[in-house]
Amino acid sequence: MSKSGLENVHGVLDLIFQKLFRGKLSYKLEENNKPYFFQKLQCKIFYKDVELGEMGVLHPKVLENYGLNYVGSFLEISLNKLVDIILSQ
């Protein structure tokens, strides 16, 4: 099991979609290439063709720059875009 918490962050994303959309809508993950995440441990989050956000394991340089001593993961999701999806249903 990973100590980065990426599986937990992914679980939060699943929970958000389950609670907001009651399992009727799903998201998709696509490859991402941001320097602040580890390569191959990051992705963009989409609903249909709308990019909602991204998640990944933070790069060690980012952790160092912010004085963080532990590996961690990050989830960013646009609440405005989620609300737009809800209102369009």
Protein backbone atom coordinates (compact mmCIF):
# COMPACT_ATOMS: atom_id res chain seq x y z
CA MET A 1 0.00 0.00 0.00
CA SER A 2 1.26 3.45 -0.91
CA LYS A 3 2.14 5.91 1.86
CA SER A 4 1.50 8.89 -0.41
CA GLY A 5 -2.25 8.78 0.22
CA LEU A 6 -3.12 8.79 -3.49
CA GLU A 7 -5.58 5.95 -2.99
CA ASN A 8 -7.29 7.99 -0.24
CA VAL A 9 -7.53 11.06 -2.46
CA HIS A 10 -9.00 8.91 -5.22
CA GLY A 11 -11.49 7.56 -2.67
CA VAL A 12 -12.55 11.11 -1.79
CA LEU A 13 -13.17 11.80 -5.48
CA ASP A 14 -15.29 8.65 -5.70
CA LEU A 15 -17.26 9.70 -2.63
CA ILE A 16 -17.90 13.18 -4.03
CA PHE A 17 -19.37 11.69 -7.20
CA GLN A 18 -21.40 9.08 -5.29
CA LYS A 19 -22.93 11.66 -2.95
CA LEU A 20 -23.56 14.38 -5.54
CA PHE A 21 -24.70 12.22 -8.43
CA ARG A 22 -25.94 9.04 -6.68
CA GLY A 23 -23.88 6.84 -8.99
CA LYS A 24 -25.63 8.15 -12.14
CA LEU A 25 -22.63 10.08 -13.44
CA SER A 26 -18.99 9.10 -13.54
CA TYR A 27 -15.71 10.82 -14.21
CA LYS A 28 -12.72 9.76 -16.24
CA LEU A 29 -9.02 10.13 -15.56
CA GLU A 30 -6.47 11.11 -18.19
CA GLU A 31 -2.71 11.39 -18.11
CA ASN A 32 -1.31 14.65 -16.76
CA ASN A 33 2.20 16.12 -17.03
CA LYS A 34 2.63 18.75 -14.32
CA PRO A 35 6.07 19.36 -12.78
CA TYR A 36 4.69 19.64 -9.23
CA PHE A 37 3.55 15.98 -9.32
CA PHE A 38 5.52 12.76 -9.77
CA GLN A 39 5.45 11.52 -13.37
CA LYS A 40 2.97 8.65 -13.88
CA LEU A 41 1.40 9.35 -10.46
CA GLN A 42 -0.88 12.16 -11.59
CA CYS A 43 -3.98 12.65 -13.70
CA LYS A 44 -6.56 15.13 -14.92
CA ILE A 45 -10.18 14.60 -13.90
CA PHE A 46 -12.91 14.94 -16.54
CA TYR A 47 -16.66 14.69 -16.72
CA LYS A 48 -17.50 14.23 -20.39
CA ASP A 49 -15.30 16.86 -22.09
CA VAL A 50 -15.10 19.21 -19.09
CA GLU A 51 -11.86 19.21 -17.12
CA LEU A 52 -12.82 19.32 -13.44
CA GLY A 53 -9.40 19.23 -11.83
CA GLU A 54 -6.38 17.08 -11.15
CA MET A 55 -4.80 14.84 -8.55
CA GLY A 56 -1.42 13.29 -7.93
CA VAL A 57 1.50 12.62 -5.63
CA LEU A 58 3.42 15.81 -4.87
CA HIS A 59 6.99 16.00 -6.18
CA PRO A 60 9.74 16.05 -3.49
CA LYS A 61 10.84 19.55 -4.58
CA VAL A 62 7.34 20.87 -3.83
CA LEU A 63 7.41 19.23 -0.42
CA GLU A 64 10.84 20.72 0.24
CA ASN A 65 9.80 24.21 -0.92
CA TYR A 66 6.88 24.20 1.53
CA GLY A 67 8.83 22.64 4.38
CA LEU A 68 6.77 19.46 4.35
CA ASN A 69 8.51 16.38 5.71
CA TYR A 70 6.11 13.70 4.49
CA VAL A 71 5.02 12.41 1.11
CA GLY A 72 1.54 13.57 0.21
CA SER A 73 -1.11 13.64 -2.47
CA PHE A 74 -3.24 16.47 -3.74
CA LEU A 75 -6.74 16.72 -5.16
CA GLU A 76 -7.99 19.89 -6.84
CA ILE A 77 -11.52 19.98 -8.19
CA SER A 78 -13.60 22.92 -9.40
CA LEU A 79 -16.71 23.28 -7.28
CA ASN A 80 -18.13 25.78 -9.78
CA LYS A 81 -17.93 23.18 -12.54
CA LEU A 82 -19.52 20.54 -10.28
CA VAL A 83 -22.40 22.91 -9.52
CA ASP A 84 -22.84 23.58 -13.24
CA ILE A 85 -23.07 19.82 -13.84
CA ILE A 86 -25.65 19.44 -11.05
CA LEU A 87 -27.76 22.30 -12.37
CA SER A 88 -27.69 20.90 -15.91
CA GLN A 89 -29.15 17.54 -14.80
